[in-house]
Amino acid sequence: MGDFWQHGPIATIHRLPGPDKDRLADQVRLRARGRPLALLIPALASEMDRPAFPLIMEELKSADYLTEIVLALGGAAPGDIERAKRFLEAIPARGRVVWPQSPNLSPVLEARQCGVDIGPPGKGRDVWVALGYLLGRGGFHALALHDADIVTYSQEIPLRLFSPLIHPDLDFAFCKGFYTRVSRNALAGRVTRLLVAPLLSLLGGKSSTPGLRTIGAMRYALSGEFSVTMDLAGQIPVPRDWGLEIGVLSAVAGIVPFGRICQADLCDNYEHKHQDLSPGDATKGLGRMAREVAVNILKEAENTEVTEDLAAMYREKALSMIPSYRADALVNGLEYNDQEEKKAVEAFTEALEEALSQTGKGALITPLPPWREMEERVPGFRERIVEAVERDNG
């Protein structure tokens, strides 16, 4: 984001003047020789028909620093799997499609086989299964994860995610991506700007939990891009809902010290598919996302003082931030709609009120267990996943 400011308990890796993308790739390629890297991309089969997916696959054709690319494909039919394989064949890394609903893999994941109900299909579940596959394969130092809907994608994104974790003079175990969000000549990222930021400003502080301090230090806590060492990856419970990003941050903060967590500036601007605001309907769009994100934040704050008037305090704080966002947009020549921003705050206030009413009533969906725990409970389970995936990709 064009500065060098360090704020909060974790290190911020900026995009400072220095190596260009080619030199950065050379550095990562050299360091990856002794530290194999894997890239995990969760996607819906329908995303293969959208502009972002072919762009990402084209960019990754030069990613010869990767040992393996895993595409966790949800909502897929057999024909989709063959199509996904053809995309991966053009990439120098070993490519594998993880299809949790396949005839080979689905029986392995049944509760009576794995000892846990992994729930219905979804991004969190697909990521968990693909992570189990990579841990079962073994031999990797770290993996990076990003979504398949990034229309401004560049190979610089995985390069900058991996760089802090494989530098020989650094000891980071987790790196979270951040970036600017501008879309259609206006500020994007409403849930981050107008819900997460003001809510954390009320809940966060030096006396708060490590999870809240970590989340609060992130410039884009809801970004879907991160990298993690495989040792740490095996210790993380994986949330199943829109709280995936917040839940992962909370888990990491409870496992490793602040000094092993960083965040990295990934690109000039980030654009992906947008969710509708859906005011008054907390079952879809940004309404559902806001509620589930708020539930996960409140869960992390359960041992701090959460007052009954938190929703009202949040609304006041969020509205007070609008003039700053307005100034930032207008001075940069962007459009800014005060009424739409206020409408978003009202919708997020409703979502927070619902989250507060559900706190302690099972609103937080139990995350999927860490793979280290799963391997202790069901020895050989990861290997059965590997076998099923290999049959699917044979």
Protein backbone atom coordinates (compact mmCIF):
# COMPACT_ATOMS: atom_id res chain seq x y z
CA MET A 1 0.00 0.00 0.00
CA GLY A 2 2.89 2.32 -0.65
CA ASP A 3 4.27 2.83 2.88
CA PHE A 4 6.54 1.13 5.42
CA TRP A 5 4.42 1.55 8.56
CA GLN A 6 4.47 -1.28 11.11
CA HIS A 7 1.38 -1.39 13.29
CA GLY A 8 0.26 -4.00 15.80
CA PRO A 9 1.90 -7.17 17.07
CA ILE A 10 2.64 -8.78 13.68
CA ALA A 11 5.06 -7.87 10.89
CA THR A 12 3.77 -6.19 7.72
CA ILE A 13 5.58 -7.02 4.47
CA HIS A 14 5.09 -4.11 2.08
CA ARG A 15 5.54 -3.94 -1.69
CA LEU A 16 8.58 -1.68 -1.50
CA PRO A 17 10.71 -0.67 -4.50
CA GLY A 18 13.00 -3.62 -5.13
CA PRO A 19 12.90 -6.89 -7.05
CA ASP A 20 10.38 -7.02 -9.89
CA LYS A 21 8.15 -10.07 -10.38
CA ASP A 22 10.76 -11.95 -12.42
CA ARG A 23 13.51 -11.45 -9.83
CA LEU A 24 11.07 -12.36 -7.07
CA ALA A 25 10.24 -15.57 -8.94
CA ASP A 26 13.96 -16.35 -9.26
CA GLN A 27 14.42 -15.96 -5.51
CA VAL A 28 11.42 -18.16 -4.68
CA ARG A 29 12.49 -20.77 -7.25
CA LEU A 30 15.97 -20.99 -5.74
CA ARG A 31 14.72 -21.24 -2.16
CA ALA A 32 11.98 -23.72 -3.05
CA ARG A 33 14.56 -26.32 -4.17
CA GLY A 34 14.98 -27.42 -0.58
CA ARG A 35 11.51 -26.38 0.60
CA PRO A 36 8.83 -27.78 -1.76
CA LEU A 37 5.73 -25.61 -2.17
CA ALA A 38 2.09 -26.45 -2.92
CA LEU A 39 -0.74 -24.19 -4.07
CA LEU A 40 -4.32 -24.95 -3.03
CA ILE A 41 -7.17 -23.34 -4.99
CA PRO A 42 -10.74 -23.95 -3.78
CA ALA A 43 -13.26 -23.41 -6.59
CA LEU A 44 -16.74 -24.18 -7.76
CA ALA A 45 -16.96 -26.02 -11.07
CA SER A 46 -19.03 -23.12 -12.45
CA GLU A 47 -16.05 -20.80 -12.01
CA MET A 48 -14.26 -22.52 -14.86
CA ASP A 49 -16.71 -20.70 -17.17
CA ARG A 50 -15.91 -17.27 -15.75
CA PRO A 51 -13.09 -14.95 -16.94
CA ALA A 52 -10.94 -15.24 -13.81
CA PHE A 53 -10.29 -18.99 -13.87
CA PRO A 54 -8.61 -19.24 -17.31
CA LEU A 55 -6.55 -16.13 -16.44
CA ILE A 56 -5.29 -17.78 -13.24
CA MET A 57 -4.42 -21.00 -15.07
CA GLU A 58 -2.56 -19.02 -17.75
CA GLU A 59 -0.53 -17.10 -15.16
CA LEU A 60 0.43 -20.33 -13.39
CA LYS A 61 1.94 -21.82 -16.54
CA SER A 62 5.20 -20.11 -15.58
CA ALA A 63 5.01 -21.09 -11.87
CA ASP A 64 7.85 -23.60 -12.08
CA TYR A 65 8.74 -22.98 -8.43
CA LEU A 66 5.65 -24.97 -7.37
CA THR A 67 5.87 -28.71 -6.75
CA GLU A 68 2.12 -29.29 -6.77
CA ILE A 69 -1.14 -27.47 -7.49
CA VAL A 70 -4.34 -28.83 -5.98
CA LEU A 71 -7.73 -27.72 -7.23
CA ALA A 72 -10.45 -28.42 -4.63
CA LEU A 73 -13.49 -28.54 -6.88
CA GLY A 74 -16.97 -28.24 -5.45
CA GLY A 75 -20.34 -28.62 -7.18
CA ALA A 76 -18.75 -30.73 -9.91
CA ALA A 77 -19.90 -33.44 -12.29
CA PRO A 78 -17.59 -36.04 -13.91
CA GLY A 79 -17.20 -33.90 -17.03
CA ASP A 80 -16.07 -30.96 -14.90
CA ILE A 81 -13.27 -33.07 -13.42
CA GLU A 82 -11.89 -33.95 -16.83
CA ARG A 83 -12.03 -30.32 -17.85
CA ALA A 84 -10.21 -29.23 -14.69
CA LYS A 85 -7.51 -31.84 -15.36
CA ARG A 86 -6.92 -30.37 -18.81
CA PHE A 87 -6.39 -26.94 -17.28
CA LEU A 88 -3.84 -28.36 -14.84
CA GLU A 89 -1.97 -30.34 -17.52
CA ALA A 90 -0.66 -27.07 -19.00
CA ILE A 91 1.03 -26.10 -15.70
CA PRO A 92 4.59 -27.33 -14.95
CA ALA A 93 3.73 -28.36 -11.38
CA ARG A 94 2.13 -31.72 -10.62
CA GLY A 95 -1.62 -31.05 -10.76
CA ARG A 96 -4.37 -32.84 -8.87
CA VAL A 97 -8.12 -32.29 -8.66
CA VAL A 98 -9.67 -33.04 -5.26
CA TRP A 99 -13.36 -33.81 -5.81
CA PRO A 100 -14.89 -34.53 -2.39
CA GLN A 101 -18.12 -35.79 -3.96
CA SER A 102 -16.44 -38.29 -6.28
CA PRO A 103 -17.43 -41.99 -6.22
CA ASN A 104 -13.94 -42.78 -4.92
CA LEU A 105 -13.57 -40.07 -2.27
CA SER A 106 -17.14 -39.62 -1.02
CA PRO A 107 -17.31 -43.05 0.72
CA VAL A 108 -14.00 -42.36 2.48
CA LEU A 109 -15.45 -39.16 3.95
CA GLU A 110 -18.60 -40.74 5.37
CA ALA A 111 -18.93 -40.29 9.13
CA ARG A 112 -18.69 -44.01 9.86
CA GLN A 113 -15.38 -44.10 7.98
CA CYS A 114 -13.71 -40.95 9.31
CA GLY A 115 -15.31 -40.74 12.75
CA VAL A 116 -16.64 -37.19 12.30
CA ASP A 117 -19.56 -35.61 10.51
CA ILE A 118 -17.89 -33.26 8.03
CA GLY A 119 -21.19 -31.69 7.09
CA PRO A 120 -22.62 -30.61 3.71
CA PRO A 121 -20.54 -29.46 0.73
CA GLY A 122 -18.92 -26.06 1.05
CA LYS A 123 -15.66 -24.17 0.73
CA GLY A 124 -14.47 -24.94 4.26
CA ARG A 125 -15.10 -28.66 3.89
CA ASP A 126 -13.41 -28.78 0.47
CA VAL A 127 -10.36 -26.95 1.84
CA TRP A 128 -10.19 -29.37 4.79
CA VAL A 129 -10.29 -32.43 2.51
CA ALA A 130 -7.67 -31.00 0.15
CA LEU A 131 -5.48 -30.12 3.12
CA GLY A 132 -5.76 -33.71 4.33
CA TYR A 133 -4.66 -34.87 0.89
CA LEU A 134 -1.58 -32.62 0.89
CA LEU A 135 -0.62 -33.63 4.43
CA GLY A 136 -1.09 -37.26 3.46
CA ARG A 137 1.12 -36.79 0.41
CA GLY A 138 3.80 -35.23 2.61
CA GLY A 139 7.11 -33.67 1.62
CA PHE A 140 5.92 -30.05 1.40
CA HIS A 141 7.33 -27.18 3.40
CA ALA A 142 4.39 -24.81 2.93
CA LEU A 143 1.21 -24.23 1.01
CA ALA A 144 -0.54 -21.10 -0.21
CA LEU A 145 -4.26 -20.77 -0.70
CA HIS A 146 -6.20 -18.35 -2.87
CA ASP A 147 -9.63 -18.28 -4.49
CA ALA A 148 -10.45 -18.93 -8.15
CA ASP A 149 -12.43 -15.74 -8.86
CA ILE A 150 -9.62 -13.14 -8.89
CA VAL A 151 -10.08 -11.19 -12.12
CA THR A 152 -6.96 -9.09 -11.43
CA TYR A 153 -4.81 -12.18 -10.80
CA SER A 154 -1.06 -12.13 -11.24
CA GLN A 155 1.56 -14.72 -10.36
CA GLU A 156 2.86 -12.09 -7.95
CA ILE A 157 0.10 -13.13 -5.52
CA PRO A 158 1.47 -16.62 -4.70
CA LEU A 159 5.05 -15.34 -4.97
CA ARG A 160 4.46 -12.74 -2.28
CA LEU A 161 2.58 -15.21 -0.11
CA PHE A 162 5.42 -17.73 -0.21
CA SER A 163 8.38 -15.34 0.08
CA PRO A 164 8.19 -14.69 3.85
CA LEU A 165 7.83 -18.41 4.63
CA ILE A 166 10.83 -19.65 2.65
CA HIS A 167 13.33 -16.85 3.23
CA PRO A 168 16.34 -18.47 4.94
CA ASP A 169 16.72 -15.65 7.46
CA LEU A 170 13.08 -15.55 8.57
CA ASP A 171 10.96 -17.84 10.71
CA PHE A 172 7.38 -17.05 9.74
CA ALA A 173 4.81 -19.86 9.88
CA PHE A 174 1.81 -17.94 8.55
CA CYS A 175 1.35 -15.10 6.08
CA LYS A 176 -1.94 -13.35 5.34
CA GLY A 177 -2.44 -11.34 2.16
CA PHE A 178 -3.80 -7.80 1.94
CA TYR A 179 -4.45 -5.35 -0.87
CA THR A 180 -6.44 -2.36 -2.07
CA ARG A 181 -10.04 -3.03 -3.13
CA VAL A 182 -11.38 -0.68 -5.81
CA SER A 183 -14.13 -1.82 -8.17
CA ARG A 184 -16.20 0.06 -10.75
CA ASN A 185 -14.45 3.29 -9.81
CA ALA A 186 -15.49 2.97 -6.16
CA LEU A 187 -14.23 1.54 -2.87
CA ALA A 188 -15.10 -2.13 -2.42
CA GLY A 189 -14.71 -4.44 0.60
CA ARG A 190 -17.76 -3.23 2.52
CA VAL A 191 -17.78 -6.01 5.11
CA THR A 192 -14.14 -5.35 5.96
CA ARG A 193 -14.43 -1.55 5.98
CA LEU A 194 -17.85 -1.09 7.53
CA LEU A 195 -18.26 -4.13 9.79
CA VAL A 196 -14.96 -5.71 10.78
CA ALA A 197 -12.93 -2.51 11.22
CA PRO A 198 -15.38 -0.63 13.49
CA LEU A 199 -16.38 -3.75 15.41
CA LEU A 200 -12.76 -4.65 16.17
CA SER A 201 -12.04 -1.08 17.22
CA LEU A 202 -14.65 -1.57 19.95
CA LEU A 203 -13.59 -5.08 20.98
CA GLY A 204 -9.83 -4.92 20.42
CA GLY A 205 -7.20 -3.57 22.73
CA LYS A 206 -4.04 -4.49 24.55
CA SER A 207 -6.06 -6.50 27.06
CA SER A 208 -7.94 -8.48 24.40
CA THR A 209 -7.24 -12.03 23.29
CA PRO A 210 -4.33 -12.97 20.99
CA GLY A 211 -6.91 -13.79 18.35
CA LEU A 212 -8.57 -10.38 18.50
CA ARG A 213 -5.20 -8.62 18.48
CA THR A 214 -4.13 -10.62 15.44
CA ILE A 215 -7.38 -10.04 13.57
CA GLY A 216 -7.28 -6.35 14.48
CA ALA A 217 -3.72 -5.99 13.20
CA MET A 218 -4.65 -7.35 9.77
CA ARG A 219 -5.17 -4.79 7.02
CA TYR A 220 -7.61 -7.12 5.31
CA ALA A 221 -8.78 -9.74 7.79
CA LEU A 222 -11.30 -11.21 5.33
CA SER A 223 -8.88 -11.76 2.48
CA GLY A 224 -9.03 -15.31 1.14
CA GLU A 225 -5.28 -15.53 0.52
CA PHE A 226 -2.76 -16.92 2.97
CA SER A 227 0.26 -19.20 3.19
CA VAL A 228 1.13 -21.57 6.02
CA THR A 229 3.84 -24.09 6.84
CA MET A 230 2.63 -27.67 6.65
CA ASP A 231 3.48 -28.24 10.32
CA LEU A 232 1.14 -25.43 11.34
CA ALA A 233 -1.48 -26.41 8.75
CA GLY A 234 -1.90 -29.75 10.46
CA GLN A 235 -2.79 -28.01 13.74
CA ILE A 236 -5.50 -25.65 12.45
CA PRO A 237 -9.23 -26.45 12.83
CA VAL A 238 -10.95 -25.40 9.60
CA PRO A 239 -14.18 -23.36 9.85
CA ARG A 240 -16.93 -24.34 7.43
CA ASP A 241 -18.82 -21.06 6.90
CA TRP A 242 -18.12 -17.42 5.96
CA GLY A 243 -16.06 -17.24 9.15
CA LEU A 244 -13.29 -19.29 7.49
CA GLU A 245 -10.84 -16.39 7.29
CA ILE A 246 -11.53 -15.08 10.81
CA GLY A 247 -11.51 -18.59 12.26
CA VAL A 248 -8.15 -19.45 10.71
CA LEU A 249 -6.61 -16.25 12.11
CA SER A 250 -7.98 -17.01 15.58
CA ALA A 251 -6.62 -20.55 15.45
CA VAL A 252 -3.18 -19.48 14.25
CA ALA A 253 -2.94 -16.83 16.99
CA GLY A 254 -3.61 -19.54 19.57
CA ILE A 255 -0.86 -21.82 18.26
CA VAL A 256 2.14 -19.69 17.30
CA PRO A 257 3.54 -16.44 18.78
CA PHE A 258 2.98 -13.07 17.09
CA GLY A 259 6.57 -13.09 15.82
CA ARG A 260 5.80 -16.00 13.50
CA ILE A 261 2.78 -14.32 11.89
CA CYS A 262 2.99 -11.72 9.14
CA GLN A 263 0.88 -10.07 6.46
CA ALA A 264 2.02 -9.25 2.92
CA ASP A 265 0.89 -6.67 0.36
CA LEU A 266 0.02 -8.81 -2.69
CA CYS A 267 -0.97 -6.49 -5.54
CA ASP A 268 -1.95 -2.97 -6.57
CA ASN A 269 -5.66 -3.77 -6.67
CA TYR A 270 -7.78 -6.87 -6.11
CA GLU A 271 -11.05 -7.57 -7.85
CA HIS A 272 -13.31 -10.61 -7.63
CA LYS A 273 -17.00 -11.47 -7.82
CA HIS A 274 -19.23 -9.46 -5.52
CA GLN A 275 -21.98 -10.48 -3.12
CA ASP A 276 -25.24 -8.52 -3.07
CA LEU A 277 -26.07 -6.60 0.09
CA SER A 278 -29.41 -8.45 0.57
CA PRO A 279 -30.70 -6.10 3.32
CA GLY A 280 -33.26 -7.71 5.60
CA ASP A 281 -32.28 -11.24 4.54
CA ALA A 282 -29.55 -12.76 6.68
CA THR A 283 -29.67 -16.07 4.80
CA LYS A 284 -27.82 -14.94 1.67
CA GLY A 285 -25.34 -12.46 0.22
CA LEU A 286 -23.52 -9.97 2.42
CA GLY A 287 -26.23 -10.30 5.09
CA ARG A 288 -25.32 -13.92 5.70
CA MET A 289 -21.61 -13.21 5.37
CA ALA A 290 -21.81 -10.34 7.88
CA ARG A 291 -23.72 -12.43 10.40
CA GLU A 292 -21.33 -15.39 10.20
CA VAL A 293 -18.27 -13.14 10.36
CA ALA A 294 -19.73 -11.33 13.38
CA VAL A 295 -20.49 -14.63 15.12
CA ASN A 296 -16.86 -15.74 14.71
CA ILE A 297 -15.53 -12.41 16.02
CA LEU A 298 -17.89 -12.54 19.00
CA LYS A 299 -16.80 -16.10 19.70
CA GLU A 300 -13.20 -14.91 19.87
CA ALA A 301 -14.32 -12.09 22.18
CA GLU A 302 -16.37 -14.31 24.51
CA ASN A 303 -13.93 -13.83 27.40
CA THR A 304 -13.87 -10.05 26.99
CA GLU A 305 -16.53 -7.62 28.07
CA VAL A 306 -19.26 -7.54 25.40
CA THR A 307 -21.90 -5.02 26.44
CA GLU A 308 -25.59 -5.27 25.63
CA ASP A 309 -25.44 -2.05 23.62
CA LEU A 310 -22.61 -3.30 21.38
CA ALA A 311 -24.77 -3.15 18.23
CA ALA A 312 -25.68 0.48 18.90
CA MET A 313 -22.06 1.34 19.67
CA TYR A 314 -20.99 -0.42 16.48
CA ARG A 315 -23.53 1.51 14.38
CA GLU A 316 -22.32 4.84 15.78
CA LYS A 317 -18.67 3.91 15.21
CA ALA A 318 -19.29 2.66 11.65
CA LEU A 319 -21.20 5.79 10.67
CA SER A 320 -18.42 7.95 12.10
CA MET A 321 -15.93 6.30 9.72
CA ILE A 322 -17.89 7.16 6.57
CA PRO A 323 -16.46 10.71 6.22
CA SER A 324 -12.92 9.30 6.19
CA TYR A 325 -13.77 6.74 3.50
CA ARG A 326 -15.55 9.47 1.56
CA ALA A 327 -12.51 11.74 1.67
CA ASP A 328 -10.18 8.92 0.64
CA ALA A 329 -12.39 8.07 -2.34
CA LEU A 330 -13.05 11.59 -3.57
CA VAL A 331 -9.44 12.79 -3.38
CA ASN A 332 -8.45 9.75 -5.47
CA GLY A 333 -11.08 10.52 -8.09
CA LEU A 334 -13.39 7.69 -7.08
CA GLU A 335 -17.16 7.80 -6.71
CA TYR A 336 -18.64 7.61 -3.24
CA ASN A 337 -22.29 7.04 -2.38
CA ASP A 338 -22.93 8.04 1.23
CA GLN A 339 -26.46 6.63 1.21
CA GLU A 340 -25.34 3.21 -0.02
CA GLU A 341 -22.63 3.12 2.64
CA LYS A 342 -25.17 4.03 5.34
CA LYS A 343 -27.52 1.36 4.00
CA ALA A 344 -24.71 -1.17 4.38
CA VAL A 345 -24.11 -0.07 7.99
CA GLU A 346 -27.80 -0.58 8.79
CA ALA A 347 -27.75 -4.06 7.23
CA PHE A 348 -24.59 -4.95 9.16
CA THR A 349 -26.14 -3.64 12.39
CA GLU A 350 -29.03 -6.06 11.88
CA ALA A 351 -26.55 -8.85 11.20
CA LEU A 352 -24.62 -8.01 14.38
CA GLU A 353 -27.83 -7.92 16.44
CA GLU A 354 -28.73 -11.37 15.16
CA ALA A 355 -25.20 -12.61 15.88
CA LEU A 356 -25.41 -11.24 19.43
CA SER A 357 -28.77 -12.94 19.99
CA GLN A 358 -27.31 -16.24 18.81
CA THR A 359 -24.11 -16.08 20.83
CA GLY A 360 -23.99 -19.08 23.13
CA LYS A 361 -26.89 -20.74 21.33
CA GLY A 362 -24.91 -22.83 18.87
CA ALA A 363 -24.64 -20.08 16.26
CA LEU A 364 -21.00 -20.93 15.61
CA ILE A 365 -20.76 -24.01 13.43
CA THR A 366 -18.18 -26.37 14.93
CA PRO A 367 -15.04 -26.26 12.80
CA LEU A 368 -13.58 -29.36 11.25
CA PRO A 369 -10.88 -30.86 13.48
CA PRO A 370 -7.16 -30.26 12.90
CA TRP A 371 -5.56 -32.97 10.78
CA ARG A 372 -3.02 -33.78 13.48
CA GLU A 373 -5.94 -34.67 15.74
CA MET A 374 -7.70 -36.57 12.95
CA GLU A 375 -4.65 -38.70 12.29
CA GLU A 376 -4.51 -39.64 15.98
CA ARG A 377 -8.21 -40.49 16.03
CA VAL A 378 -8.27 -42.37 12.71
CA PRO A 379 -4.75 -43.55 11.77
CA GLY A 380 -4.29 -43.90 8.03
CA PHE A 381 -7.30 -41.74 7.16
CA ARG A 382 -5.21 -39.21 5.22
CA GLU A 383 -3.61 -42.01 3.23
CA ARG A 384 -7.06 -43.28 2.22
CA ILE A 385 -7.86 -39.79 0.97
CA VAL A 386 -4.62 -39.77 -1.04
CA GLU A 387 -5.48 -43.13 -2.59
CA ALA A 388 -8.97 -41.96 -3.56
CA VAL A 389 -7.67 -38.71 -5.07
CA GLU A 390 -5.05 -40.57 -7.08
CA ARG A 391 -7.71 -42.91 -8.46
CA ASP A 392 -9.80 -39.88 -9.46
CA ASN A 393 -6.81 -38.40 -11.25
CA GLY A 394 -5.55 -41.61 -12.83
